[in-house]
Structures are given as C-alpha cells and as structure tokens.
C-alpha cells in the first residue's frame, strides 16, 4: 500500500509543478497575459479517450478500431495543447498575443503535465485494482 501512496504523491507533485509553470507563463509581470490558460481544457480532455478505450475495448493489448480512434483523438488533443501557445506567440509582429518566454514556460508545463498523465496510466494500468470478490 505504501507504493501506491508514493506514486500518488509523486504524481500530485509533478502535476503541481506543471500547473505552476503554466501559471508562471501567464502571471509573471513581463508576460501578464491569461490567454494560455485555455490549455487547461486540453489537460482535462486528454485522458478521456484513453479512459473510454480502456472501459469499452475487449483488451488493451489487442488492436481494435476503438483503441486506434481513441489514440488518434488523444494525439490530436496533445498536439493541440502544444500548438496553441506556439500559435499565440507566432501572431503577427505588430501585436503578438503572448511572448516567446511565456510560450517556453507553457510548453515546459505541457510536457510535465502530459508526462504526469502518461505515468498515471502506466502506474495504474490494471483495469480493476481491487478484487471485490475476495470479501
């Protein structure tokens, strides 16, 4: 049981670090622009297709159309999360929406948060961690 607690603490810590990088990219005085916070929607949406595929696919090890579509959707969501700050920073030179420094902090936060989500699915890969029939 201590292993599960340690994993959860590590996941919570890395998620907090990633979110802190995102907030720093928005809130520092030299950046002071909150448009990149829309990346939070991608953080919330990214695990949904994977959870659907784990719930309704007969086996995660075998390939099926459901698993392939869910992987495609997850990939699109993750790429969109990386693309949003780049597009915001690459706006016309007259008025870029965010600065490149903020874009770097947001991309670093994206990397940490998506690595945290991937590690969650790696650590807790079993479909049913508790055997309810043993009671």
N, C-alpha and C. Protein backbone atom coordinates (compact mmCIF):
# COMPACT_ATOMS: atom_id res chain seq x y z
N UNK A 1 0.81 -1.19 0.00
CA UNK A 1 0.00 0.00 0.00
C UNK A 1 0.86 1.27 0.00
N UNK A 2 2.07 1.17 0.56
CA UNK A 2 2.95 2.34 0.59
C UNK A 2 3.40 2.71 -0.81
N UNK A 3 3.50 1.73 -1.70
CA UNK A 3 3.89 2.01 -3.07
C UNK A 3 2.86 2.86 -3.79
N UNK A 4 1.58 2.59 -3.53
CA UNK A 4 0.52 3.36 -4.16
C UNK A 4 0.52 4.79 -3.64
N UNK A 5 0.74 4.96 -2.34
CA UNK A 5 0.78 6.30 -1.76
C UNK A 5 1.95 7.10 -2.33
N UNK A 6 3.09 6.46 -2.45
CA UNK A 6 4.25 7.14 -3.01
C UNK A 6 4.04 7.56 -4.45
N UNK A 7 3.40 6.68 -5.22
CA UNK A 7 3.11 7.02 -6.61
C UNK A 7 2.14 8.18 -6.71
N UNK A 8 1.12 8.15 -5.88
CA UNK A 8 0.15 9.25 -5.91
C UNK A 8 0.77 10.57 -5.48
N UNK A 9 1.64 10.52 -4.50
CA UNK A 9 2.33 11.75 -4.06
C UNK A 9 3.23 12.27 -5.17
N UNK A 10 3.95 11.38 -5.84
CA UNK A 10 4.81 11.81 -6.94
C UNK A 10 4.00 12.38 -8.09
N UNK A 11 2.88 11.76 -8.41
CA UNK A 11 2.03 12.28 -9.48
C UNK A 11 1.44 13.64 -9.11
N UNK A 12 1.02 13.79 -7.87
CA UNK A 12 0.48 15.08 -7.43
C UNK A 12 1.54 16.17 -7.48
N UNK A 13 2.76 15.82 -7.08
CA UNK A 13 3.84 16.81 -7.10
C UNK A 13 4.17 17.24 -8.53
N UNK A 14 4.28 16.28 -9.45
CA UNK A 14 4.62 16.65 -10.82
C UNK A 14 3.47 17.42 -11.49
N UNK A 15 2.23 17.08 -11.17
CA UNK A 15 1.11 17.85 -11.72
C UNK A 15 1.13 19.28 -11.19
N UNK A 16 1.49 19.44 -9.92
CA UNK A 16 1.58 20.79 -9.35
C UNK A 16 2.72 21.59 -9.99
N UNK A 17 3.83 20.93 -10.28
CA UNK A 17 4.95 21.62 -10.95
C UNK A 17 4.54 22.07 -12.35
N UNK A 18 3.87 21.20 -13.10
CA UNK A 18 3.43 21.56 -14.44
C UNK A 18 2.43 22.69 -14.44
N UNK A 19 1.49 22.65 -13.51
CA UNK A 19 0.50 23.72 -13.42
C UNK A 19 1.15 25.03 -12.98
N UNK A 20 2.15 24.93 -12.11
CA UNK A 20 2.87 26.14 -11.69
C UNK A 20 3.59 26.77 -12.87
N UNK A 21 4.19 25.96 -13.72
CA UNK A 21 4.85 26.51 -14.92
C UNK A 21 3.83 27.21 -15.82
N UNK A 22 2.65 26.63 -15.96
CA UNK A 22 1.61 27.26 -16.77
C UNK A 22 1.19 28.60 -16.17
N UNK A 23 0.98 28.64 -14.87
CA UNK A 23 0.57 29.89 -14.22
C UNK A 23 1.68 30.92 -14.30
N UNK A 24 2.94 30.50 -14.16
CA UNK A 24 4.06 31.44 -14.30
C UNK A 24 4.12 32.03 -15.71
N UNK A 25 3.83 31.20 -16.71
CA UNK A 25 3.81 31.69 -18.09
C UNK A 25 2.73 32.72 -18.33
N UNK A 26 1.71 32.70 -17.49
CA UNK A 26 0.62 33.66 -17.64
C UNK A 26 0.77 34.87 -16.72
N UNK A 27 1.25 34.67 -15.50
CA UNK A 27 1.14 35.68 -14.46
C UNK A 27 2.38 36.53 -14.22
N UNK A 28 3.52 36.12 -14.73
CA UNK A 28 4.71 36.94 -14.49
C UNK A 28 4.50 38.34 -15.05
N UNK A 29 5.04 39.36 -14.38
CA UNK A 29 4.76 40.74 -14.82
C UNK A 29 5.19 41.05 -16.26
N UNK A 30 6.26 40.43 -16.72
CA UNK A 30 6.69 40.72 -18.08
C UNK A 30 5.80 40.05 -19.13
N UNK A 31 5.03 39.04 -18.73
CA UNK A 31 4.13 38.37 -19.67
C UNK A 31 2.69 38.88 -19.49
N UNK A 32 2.13 38.72 -18.30
CA UNK A 32 0.84 39.28 -17.90
C UNK A 32 -0.26 39.11 -18.96
N UNK A 33 -0.47 37.85 -19.38
CA UNK A 33 -1.49 37.54 -20.36
C UNK A 33 -2.06 36.17 -20.03
N UNK A 34 -3.37 36.07 -19.90
CA UNK A 34 -4.00 34.86 -19.41
C UNK A 34 -4.61 34.00 -20.51
N UNK A 35 -4.39 34.33 -21.77
CA UNK A 35 -4.91 33.52 -22.87
C UNK A 35 -4.39 32.08 -22.86
N UNK A 36 -3.15 31.84 -22.47
CA UNK A 36 -2.66 30.44 -22.48
C UNK A 36 -3.35 29.52 -21.47
N UNK A 37 -4.16 30.05 -20.58
CA UNK A 37 -4.86 29.20 -19.62
C UNK A 37 -5.88 28.29 -20.30
N UNK A 38 -6.19 28.55 -21.57
CA UNK A 38 -7.07 27.67 -22.32
C UNK A 38 -6.45 26.28 -22.51
N UNK A 39 -5.17 26.15 -22.25
CA UNK A 39 -4.51 24.85 -22.32
C UNK A 39 -5.09 23.90 -21.26
N UNK A 40 -5.67 24.44 -20.21
CA UNK A 40 -6.28 23.60 -19.17
C UNK A 40 -7.38 22.71 -19.74
N UNK A 41 -8.10 23.19 -20.74
CA UNK A 41 -9.13 22.35 -21.37
C UNK A 41 -8.51 21.11 -22.01
N UNK A 42 -7.33 21.28 -22.60
CA UNK A 42 -6.65 20.14 -23.20
C UNK A 42 -6.16 19.16 -22.13
N UNK A 43 -5.75 19.70 -20.97
CA UNK A 43 -5.35 18.82 -19.86
C UNK A 43 -6.53 17.97 -19.40
N UNK A 44 -7.70 18.57 -19.35
CA UNK A 44 -8.87 17.84 -18.89
C UNK A 44 -9.39 16.85 -19.94
N UNK A 45 -9.25 17.20 -21.22
CA UNK A 45 -9.77 16.35 -22.29
C UNK A 45 -8.83 15.20 -22.67
N UNK A 46 -7.55 15.33 -22.43
CA UNK A 46 -6.59 14.34 -22.94
C UNK A 46 -6.79 12.92 -22.39
N UNK A 47 -7.13 12.71 -21.11
CA UNK A 47 -7.30 11.33 -20.67
C UNK A 47 -8.64 10.70 -21.04
N UNK A 48 -9.60 11.49 -21.50
CA UNK A 48 -10.95 10.96 -21.75
C UNK A 48 -10.96 9.86 -22.81
N UNK A 49 -10.35 10.03 -24.00
CA UNK A 49 -10.38 8.93 -24.97
C UNK A 49 -9.69 7.66 -24.48
N UNK A 50 -8.63 7.80 -23.72
CA UNK A 50 -7.94 6.63 -23.19
C UNK A 50 -8.81 5.90 -22.18
N UNK A 51 -9.51 6.65 -21.34
CA UNK A 51 -10.41 6.00 -20.38
C UNK A 51 -11.57 5.30 -21.09
N UNK A 52 -12.07 5.90 -22.16
CA UNK A 52 -13.14 5.27 -22.94
C UNK A 52 -12.64 3.97 -23.56
N UNK A 53 -11.44 4.01 -24.14
CA UNK A 53 -10.92 2.80 -24.78
C UNK A 53 -10.64 1.69 -23.75
N UNK A 54 -10.20 2.05 -22.56
CA UNK A 54 -9.95 1.04 -21.53
C UNK A 54 -11.25 0.46 -20.99
N UNK A 55 -12.29 1.25 -21.03
CA UNK A 55 -13.58 0.79 -20.50
C UNK A 55 -14.31 -0.13 -21.48
N UNK A 56 -14.30 0.21 -22.77
CA UNK A 56 -15.14 -0.49 -23.73
C UNK A 56 -14.41 -1.44 -24.66
N UNK A 57 -13.09 -1.38 -24.70
CA UNK A 57 -12.35 -2.31 -25.56
C UNK A 57 -12.26 -3.67 -24.88
N UNK A 58 -12.32 -4.75 -25.65
CA UNK A 58 -12.24 -6.08 -25.02
C UNK A 58 -10.89 -6.33 -24.36
N UNK A 59 -9.83 -5.83 -24.95
CA UNK A 59 -8.49 -5.99 -24.39
C UNK A 59 -7.63 -4.85 -24.87
N UNK A 60 -6.84 -4.28 -23.96
CA UNK A 60 -5.98 -3.16 -24.34
C UNK A 60 -4.79 -3.66 -25.16
N UNK A 61 -4.38 -4.91 -24.94
CA UNK A 61 -3.23 -5.44 -25.65
C UNK A 61 -3.54 -5.66 -27.13
N UNK A 62 -4.76 -6.07 -27.46
CA UNK A 62 -5.10 -6.31 -28.86
C UNK A 62 -5.52 -5.00 -29.50
N UNK A 63 -5.38 -4.93 -30.79
CA UNK A 63 -5.73 -3.73 -31.52
C UNK A 63 -7.18 -3.81 -31.98
N UNK A 64 -7.89 -2.71 -31.86
CA UNK A 64 -9.25 -2.63 -32.34
C UNK A 64 -9.49 -1.23 -32.87
N UNK A 65 -10.57 -1.06 -33.57
CA UNK A 65 -10.88 0.26 -34.14
C UNK A 65 -11.09 1.29 -33.04
N UNK A 66 -11.72 0.89 -31.94
CA UNK A 66 -11.95 1.81 -30.83
C UNK A 66 -10.64 2.31 -30.24
N UNK A 67 -9.72 1.40 -30.01
CA UNK A 67 -8.43 1.80 -29.43
C UNK A 67 -7.68 2.73 -30.38
N UNK A 68 -7.69 2.43 -31.66
CA UNK A 68 -6.98 3.26 -32.63
C UNK A 68 -7.59 4.66 -32.73
N UNK A 69 -8.92 4.75 -32.73
CA UNK A 69 -9.57 6.07 -32.79
C UNK A 69 -9.28 6.86 -31.52
N UNK A 70 -9.31 6.20 -30.37
CA UNK A 70 -9.03 6.90 -29.12
C UNK A 70 -7.58 7.37 -29.05
N UNK A 71 -6.65 6.57 -29.56
CA UNK A 71 -5.25 7.03 -29.63
C UNK A 71 -5.10 8.22 -30.57
N UNK A 72 -5.82 8.19 -31.68
CA UNK A 72 -5.78 9.30 -32.62
C UNK A 72 -6.32 10.58 -31.98
N UNK A 73 -7.44 10.47 -31.27
CA UNK A 73 -8.03 11.64 -30.61
C UNK A 73 -7.11 12.18 -29.51
N UNK A 74 -6.51 11.27 -28.75
CA UNK A 74 -5.59 11.70 -27.70
C UNK A 74 -4.38 12.42 -28.29
N UNK A 75 -3.86 11.89 -29.39
CA UNK A 75 -2.73 12.53 -30.05
C UNK A 75 -3.10 13.92 -30.56
N UNK A 76 -4.29 14.05 -31.13
CA UNK A 76 -4.74 15.35 -31.60
C UNK A 76 -4.89 16.36 -30.48
N UNK A 77 -5.39 15.91 -29.33
CA UNK A 77 -5.55 16.80 -28.18
C UNK A 77 -4.20 17.26 -27.66
N UNK A 78 -3.24 16.33 -27.56
CA UNK A 78 -1.91 16.68 -27.05
C UNK A 78 -1.19 17.63 -28.01
N UNK A 79 -1.28 17.37 -29.30
CA UNK A 79 -0.63 18.26 -30.28
C UNK A 79 -1.28 19.64 -30.26
N UNK A 80 -2.59 19.69 -30.07
CA UNK A 80 -3.27 20.98 -29.97
C UNK A 80 -2.82 21.76 -28.75
N UNK A 81 -2.55 21.06 -27.65
CA UNK A 81 -2.08 21.74 -26.44
C UNK A 81 -0.69 22.34 -26.66
N UNK A 82 0.14 21.68 -27.46
CA UNK A 82 1.45 22.25 -27.77
C UNK A 82 1.35 23.33 -28.84
N UNK A 83 0.39 23.19 -29.73
CA UNK A 83 0.26 24.15 -30.82
C UNK A 83 -0.34 25.47 -30.40
N UNK A 84 -1.24 25.47 -29.42
CA UNK A 84 -1.90 26.71 -29.01
C UNK A 84 -0.93 27.79 -28.56
N UNK A 85 0.00 27.54 -27.65
CA UNK A 85 0.92 28.62 -27.26
C UNK A 85 1.85 29.04 -28.39
N UNK A 86 2.21 28.09 -29.26
CA UNK A 86 3.07 28.46 -30.39
C UNK A 86 2.34 29.38 -31.34
N UNK A 87 1.08 29.09 -31.62
CA UNK A 87 0.29 29.96 -32.50
C UNK A 87 0.07 31.31 -31.84
N UNK A 88 -0.18 31.34 -30.53
CA UNK A 88 -0.37 32.61 -29.85
C UNK A 88 0.91 33.46 -29.86
N UNK A 89 2.05 32.82 -29.78
CA UNK A 89 3.31 33.56 -29.79
C UNK A 89 3.73 33.95 -31.20
N UNK A 90 3.24 33.23 -32.20
CA UNK A 90 3.65 33.48 -33.58
C UNK A 90 2.65 34.37 -34.31
N UNK A 91 1.89 35.12 -33.56
CA UNK A 91 0.94 36.07 -34.16
C UNK A 91 1.72 37.12 -34.93
N UNK A 92 1.05 37.93 -35.74
CA UNK A 92 1.78 38.97 -36.49
C UNK A 92 2.66 39.83 -35.59
N UNK A 93 3.75 40.28 -36.14
CA UNK A 93 4.76 41.02 -35.36
C UNK A 93 4.21 42.30 -34.75
N UNK A 94 3.16 42.86 -35.30
CA UNK A 94 2.62 44.10 -34.76
C UNK A 94 2.04 43.89 -33.36
N UNK A 95 1.38 42.77 -33.14
CA UNK A 95 0.75 42.54 -31.84
C UNK A 95 0.71 41.05 -31.53
N UNK A 96 1.84 40.44 -31.14
CA UNK A 96 1.75 39.03 -30.73
C UNK A 96 0.92 38.91 -29.46
N UNK A 97 0.19 37.83 -29.37
CA UNK A 97 -0.70 37.66 -28.23
C UNK A 97 0.11 37.37 -26.96
N UNK A 98 1.08 36.45 -27.04
CA UNK A 98 1.95 36.18 -25.90
C UNK A 98 3.40 36.28 -26.35
N UNK A 99 4.30 36.40 -25.39
CA UNK A 99 5.72 36.47 -25.70
C UNK A 99 6.30 35.07 -25.76
N UNK A 100 7.47 34.96 -26.39
CA UNK A 100 8.09 33.65 -26.55
C UNK A 100 8.56 33.06 -25.24
N UNK A 101 8.90 33.89 -24.27
CA UNK A 101 9.28 33.38 -22.95
C UNK A 101 8.11 32.70 -22.27
N UNK A 102 6.93 33.31 -22.38
CA UNK A 102 5.73 32.69 -21.84
C UNK A 102 5.42 31.40 -22.58
N UNK A 103 5.63 31.39 -23.88
CA UNK A 103 5.41 30.18 -24.67
C UNK A 103 6.33 29.06 -24.19
N UNK A 104 7.58 29.37 -23.89
CA UNK A 104 8.51 28.36 -23.39
C UNK A 104 8.08 27.78 -22.05
N UNK A 105 7.62 28.65 -21.14
CA UNK A 105 7.15 28.16 -19.85
C UNK A 105 5.91 27.29 -20.01
N UNK A 106 5.02 27.66 -20.91
CA UNK A 106 3.80 26.89 -21.11
C UNK A 106 4.12 25.54 -21.76
N UNK A 107 5.05 25.53 -22.70
CA UNK A 107 5.44 24.26 -23.32
C UNK A 107 6.12 23.34 -22.30
N UNK A 108 6.92 23.91 -21.41
CA UNK A 108 7.53 23.10 -20.34
C UNK A 108 6.45 22.56 -19.41
N UNK A 109 5.47 23.39 -19.07
CA UNK A 109 4.36 22.92 -18.24
C UNK A 109 3.55 21.83 -18.93
N UNK A 110 3.34 21.98 -20.25
CA UNK A 110 2.64 20.93 -21.01
C UNK A 110 3.39 19.61 -20.93
N UNK A 111 4.69 19.66 -21.10
CA UNK A 111 5.49 18.44 -21.06
C UNK A 111 5.37 17.75 -19.71
N UNK A 112 5.45 18.51 -18.64
CA UNK A 112 5.37 17.93 -17.30
C UNK A 112 3.97 17.36 -17.04
N UNK A 113 2.93 18.09 -17.41
CA UNK A 113 1.56 17.63 -17.13
C UNK A 113 1.23 16.40 -17.96
N UNK A 114 1.59 16.39 -19.24
CA UNK A 114 1.28 15.23 -20.07
C UNK A 114 2.12 14.02 -19.67
N UNK A 115 3.34 14.25 -19.19
CA UNK A 115 4.12 13.13 -18.65
C UNK A 115 3.47 12.58 -17.38
N UNK A 116 2.89 13.46 -16.57
CA UNK A 116 2.17 13.03 -15.38
C UNK A 116 0.96 12.18 -15.74
N UNK A 117 0.21 12.61 -16.75
CA UNK A 117 -0.96 11.85 -17.18
C UNK A 117 -0.54 10.49 -17.73
N UNK A 118 0.53 10.46 -18.51
CA UNK A 118 1.02 9.19 -19.05
C UNK A 118 1.50 8.26 -17.93
N UNK A 119 2.17 8.82 -16.94
CA UNK A 119 2.64 8.00 -15.82
C UNK A 119 1.47 7.48 -14.98
N UNK A 120 0.39 8.25 -14.89
CA UNK A 120 -0.79 7.76 -14.19
C UNK A 120 -1.31 6.49 -14.87
N UNK A 121 -1.43 6.52 -16.19
CA UNK A 121 -1.93 5.35 -16.89
C UNK A 121 -0.93 4.20 -16.85
N UNK A 122 0.35 4.51 -16.73
CA UNK A 122 1.36 3.46 -16.61
C UNK A 122 1.31 2.81 -15.23
N UNK A 123 1.22 3.62 -14.19
CA UNK A 123 1.21 3.09 -12.82
C UNK A 123 -0.06 2.31 -12.52
N UNK A 124 -1.17 2.80 -12.99
CA UNK A 124 -2.45 2.19 -12.67
C UNK A 124 -3.06 1.57 -13.93
N UNK A 125 -2.30 0.69 -14.57
CA UNK A 125 -2.71 0.09 -15.84
C UNK A 125 -3.74 -1.00 -15.66
N UNK A 126 -3.82 -1.60 -14.50
CA UNK A 126 -4.78 -2.69 -14.33
C UNK A 126 -6.20 -2.14 -14.39
N UNK A 127 -7.10 -2.92 -14.97
CA UNK A 127 -8.48 -2.47 -15.11
C UNK A 127 -9.21 -2.41 -13.78
N UNK A 128 -8.95 -3.35 -12.92
CA UNK A 128 -9.62 -3.40 -11.63
C UNK A 128 -8.59 -3.60 -10.53
N UNK A 129 -8.15 -2.54 -9.86
CA UNK A 129 -7.09 -2.68 -8.87
C UNK A 129 -7.54 -3.41 -7.61
N UNK A 130 -8.84 -3.51 -7.37
CA UNK A 130 -9.34 -4.17 -6.17
C UNK A 130 -10.17 -5.38 -6.58
N UNK A 131 -9.98 -6.45 -5.86
CA UNK A 131 -10.76 -7.64 -6.12
C UNK A 131 -11.94 -7.64 -5.16
N UNK A 132 -13.11 -7.28 -5.66
CA UNK A 132 -14.28 -7.15 -4.80
C UNK A 132 -14.86 -8.52 -4.42
N UNK A 133 -14.48 -9.57 -5.13
CA UNK A 133 -15.00 -10.89 -4.83
C UNK A 133 -14.30 -11.56 -3.65
N UNK A 134 -13.23 -10.98 -3.17
CA UNK A 134 -12.47 -11.60 -2.09
C UNK A 134 -13.05 -11.32 -0.71
N UNK A 135 -14.09 -10.53 -0.63
CA UNK A 135 -14.67 -10.20 0.67
C UNK A 135 -15.59 -11.27 1.04
